[in-house]
Amino acid sequence: VGPTRLAVASVELAKAGFDATKNMEALTAAAKASVATDYPIESMIEGLMSASRQFGESDFSKLANIFAATANAAQTSMGDIFEAAKLGGTLGSQLGLSAGEFAAMTAALNNMGIKSTEAGTQMKILFQNLANPLGQGKEILAQAKSIGISVTDSVGNLRKPWEIINDMQVKMDELGL
């Protein structure tokens, strides 16, 4: 990561309202993640700023570590995670997913060959259908409920998508499917 690229990234952070201290913290975190994942610093800053807004996480170091660890541990890249977040991150966050949970779902989809914007689109559709099921989605959720699978917890909050999927797998196993 060269000085010119760092300067450009620093200007972008300043434009976003980061004071000097926050700018240096964010720049340091982004530079480390950029080197660790071989992802351009300017794109890293852009992706982290977007994820920060989506998931309400102001600690760039935490976000950078979450996404870099996910990208390096799975068959995915920072670009795949950021592209998926552009489409599904905000809705996922509104449904209670953390940045780490969203990144893990993105990595799982990437490992199945569903990459980048396609992963984001699929997660967005899933989140929309869970939050506000229509037509056939309502029928499917009613059928799931009839066999003991609920999409909400005891107080009416939407459960995490993988909890619902896990319950479905358990029921399918019980039914011999």
Protein backbone atom coordinates (compact mmCIF):
# COMPACT_ATOMS: atom_id res chain seq x y z
CA VAL A 1 0.00 0.00 0.00
CA GLY A 2 1.81 3.08 -1.26
CA PRO A 3 1.69 6.63 0.11
CA THR A 4 -0.37 7.97 -2.78
CA ARG A 5 -3.05 5.33 -2.30
CA LEU A 6 -3.07 5.99 1.45
CA ALA A 7 -3.49 9.70 0.81
CA VAL A 8 -6.43 9.10 -1.54
CA ALA A 9 -8.06 6.80 1.03
CA SER A 10 -7.47 9.37 3.78
CA VAL A 11 -9.19 12.06 1.72
CA GLU A 12 -12.22 9.78 1.26
CA LEU A 13 -12.42 9.27 5.02
CA ALA A 14 -12.17 13.01 5.62
CA LYS A 15 -14.99 13.60 3.10
CA ALA A 16 -17.08 11.15 5.12
CA GLY A 17 -16.58 13.29 8.21
CA PHE A 18 -13.82 11.37 9.98
CA ASP A 19 -11.72 13.55 12.27
CA ALA A 20 -7.93 13.14 12.24
CA THR A 21 -7.86 10.49 14.99
CA LYS A 22 -10.72 8.43 13.55
CA ASN A 23 -9.22 8.84 10.07
CA MET A 24 -5.89 7.34 11.19
CA GLU A 25 -7.60 4.48 13.04
CA ALA A 26 -9.74 3.63 10.02
CA LEU A 27 -6.84 4.03 7.61
CA THR A 28 -4.62 1.73 9.69
CA ALA A 29 -7.32 -0.95 9.91
CA ALA A 30 -8.09 -0.72 6.20
CA ALA A 31 -4.41 -0.82 5.23
CA LYS A 32 -3.81 -3.95 7.31
CA ALA A 33 -6.86 -5.67 5.85
CA SER A 34 -5.87 -4.54 2.36
CA VAL A 35 -2.45 -6.14 2.70
CA ALA A 36 -3.85 -9.30 4.35
CA THR A 37 -6.40 -9.85 1.57
CA ASP A 38 -4.62 -8.30 -1.41
CA TYR A 39 -7.55 -5.94 -1.92
CA PRO A 40 -7.06 -2.31 -3.05
CA ILE A 41 -7.04 0.19 -0.16
CA GLU A 42 -9.42 2.59 -1.88
CA SER A 43 -11.98 -0.19 -2.39
CA MET A 44 -11.39 -1.39 1.17
CA ILE A 45 -12.19 2.07 2.55
CA GLU A 46 -15.32 2.31 0.39
CA GLY A 47 -16.51 -1.15 1.45
CA LEU A 48 -15.81 -0.56 5.14
CA MET A 49 -17.57 2.82 5.12
CA SER A 50 -20.62 1.21 3.53
CA ALA A 51 -20.60 -1.73 5.96
CA SER A 52 -20.17 0.67 8.87
CA ARG A 53 -23.36 2.47 7.87
CA GLN A 54 -25.27 -0.72 7.12
CA PHE A 55 -24.44 -2.56 10.33
CA GLY A 56 -24.12 0.44 12.66
CA GLU A 57 -20.53 -0.51 13.50
CA SER A 58 -18.17 2.44 13.88
CA ASP A 59 -15.10 0.35 14.75
CA PHE A 60 -13.34 -0.03 11.40
CA SER A 61 -10.72 -2.29 12.93
CA LYS A 62 -13.42 -4.73 14.06
CA LEU A 63 -15.13 -4.65 10.65
CA ALA A 64 -11.86 -5.04 8.78
CA ASN A 65 -10.85 -7.99 10.96
CA ILE A 66 -14.23 -9.70 10.56
CA PHE A 67 -14.28 -9.36 6.79
CA ALA A 68 -10.58 -10.15 6.26
CA ALA A 69 -10.78 -13.26 8.45
CA THR A 70 -13.90 -14.41 6.59
CA ALA A 71 -12.37 -13.77 3.17
CA ASN A 72 -9.16 -15.58 4.07
CA ALA A 73 -10.91 -18.56 5.68
CA ALA A 74 -13.44 -19.19 2.91
CA GLN A 75 -13.55 -19.37 -0.86
CA THR A 76 -14.41 -15.70 -1.06
CA SER A 77 -12.83 -12.29 -1.35
CA MET A 78 -13.31 -8.87 0.17
CA GLY A 79 -14.89 -7.82 -3.11
CA ASP A 80 -17.42 -10.67 -2.92
CA ILE A 81 -18.35 -9.74 0.65
CA PHE A 82 -18.68 -6.02 -0.12
CA GLU A 83 -20.69 -6.66 -3.30
CA ALA A 84 -23.06 -9.00 -1.43
CA ALA A 85 -23.42 -6.41 1.33
CA LYS A 86 -24.42 -3.72 -1.19
CA LEU A 87 -27.51 -5.79 -2.01
CA GLY A 88 -28.35 -7.66 1.17
CA GLY A 89 -26.48 -5.99 4.01
CA THR A 90 -28.94 -3.28 4.95
CA LEU A 91 -31.94 -5.60 5.04
CA GLY A 92 -29.91 -8.24 6.88
CA SER A 93 -28.93 -5.65 9.46
CA GLN A 94 -32.54 -4.54 9.84
CA LEU A 95 -33.43 -8.16 10.57
CA GLY A 96 -30.81 -8.30 13.32
CA LEU A 97 -27.76 -9.77 11.60
CA SER A 98 -24.37 -8.52 12.68
CA ALA A 99 -21.62 -7.79 10.17
CA GLY A 100 -19.93 -11.05 11.15
CA GLU A 101 -23.10 -13.07 10.68
CA PHE A 102 -23.68 -11.49 7.29
CA ALA A 103 -20.08 -12.18 6.25
CA ALA A 104 -20.42 -15.81 7.37
CA MET A 105 -23.59 -16.24 5.30
CA THR A 106 -21.83 -14.67 2.31
CA ALA A 107 -18.89 -17.05 2.75
CA ALA A 108 -21.21 -20.06 3.01
CA LEU A 109 -22.95 -19.08 -0.23
CA ASN A 110 -19.60 -18.45 -1.92
CA ASN A 111 -18.42 -21.91 -0.87
CA MET A 112 -21.50 -23.30 -2.66
CA GLY A 113 -20.61 -21.36 -5.81
CA ILE A 114 -23.05 -18.48 -5.27
CA LYS A 115 -20.74 -15.50 -5.44
CA SER A 116 -20.70 -11.74 -5.02
CA THR A 117 -23.80 -9.92 -6.26
CA GLU A 118 -25.63 -13.21 -6.80
CA ALA A 119 -25.09 -14.04 -3.11
CA GLY A 120 -26.28 -10.57 -2.12
CA THR A 121 -29.37 -10.91 -4.29
CA GLN A 122 -30.21 -14.35 -2.87
CA MET A 123 -29.80 -13.11 0.70
CA LYS A 124 -31.92 -10.04 -0.02
CA ILE A 125 -34.70 -12.25 -1.42
CA LEU A 126 -34.45 -14.56 1.61
CA PHE A 127 -34.57 -11.63 4.04
CA GLN A 128 -37.51 -10.03 2.21
CA ASN A 129 -39.45 -13.29 2.22
CA LEU A 130 -38.78 -13.87 5.90
CA ALA A 131 -39.68 -10.32 6.88
CA ASN A 132 -42.76 -9.96 4.71
CA PRO A 133 -43.84 -13.22 3.06
CA LEU A 134 -46.23 -12.95 0.12
CA GLY A 135 -48.13 -15.52 -1.96
CA GLN A 136 -46.36 -18.86 -2.05
CA GLY A 137 -43.98 -17.66 0.67
CA LYS A 138 -46.90 -17.34 3.09
CA GLU A 139 -48.01 -20.88 2.25
CA ILE A 140 -44.53 -22.26 2.81
CA LEU A 141 -44.19 -20.50 6.16
CA ALA A 142 -47.66 -21.73 7.21
CA GLN A 143 -46.66 -25.29 6.30
CA ALA A 144 -43.38 -24.91 8.18
CA LYS A 145 -45.25 -23.65 11.24
CA SER A 146 -47.65 -26.61 11.06
CA ILE A 147 -44.71 -29.00 11.52
CA GLY A 148 -43.15 -26.97 14.32
CA ILE A 149 -40.80 -24.60 12.50
CA SER A 150 -41.23 -20.97 13.43
CA VAL A 151 -39.55 -17.98 11.82
CA THR A 152 -40.11 -15.86 14.93
CA ASP A 153 -39.02 -16.27 18.53
CA SER A 154 -41.30 -16.29 21.57
CA VAL A 155 -41.65 -12.48 21.55
CA GLY A 156 -42.24 -12.17 17.81
CA ASN A 157 -38.75 -11.21 16.65
CA LEU A 158 -37.48 -12.77 13.44
CA ARG A 159 -35.05 -15.61 14.18
CA LYS A 160 -31.65 -15.81 12.48
CA PRO A 161 -31.94 -17.37 8.99
CA TRP A 162 -29.53 -20.22 9.75
CA GLU A 163 -31.56 -21.13 12.88
CA ILE A 164 -34.64 -21.52 10.68
CA ILE A 165 -32.69 -23.50 8.08
CA ASN A 166 -31.24 -25.73 10.82
CA ASP A 167 -34.75 -26.40 12.17
CA MET A 168 -35.86 -27.33 8.65
CA GLN A 169 -32.95 -29.75 8.29
CA VAL A 170 -33.76 -31.38 11.65
CA LYS A 171 -37.43 -31.79 10.65
CA MET A 172 -36.48 -33.21 7.27
CA ASP A 173 -34.19 -35.72 9.00
CA GLU A 174 -36.99 -36.63 11.44
CA LEU A 175 -39.37 -37.16 8.50
CA GLY A 176 -36.78 -39.19 6.61
CA LEU A 177 -36.54 -36.72 3.77
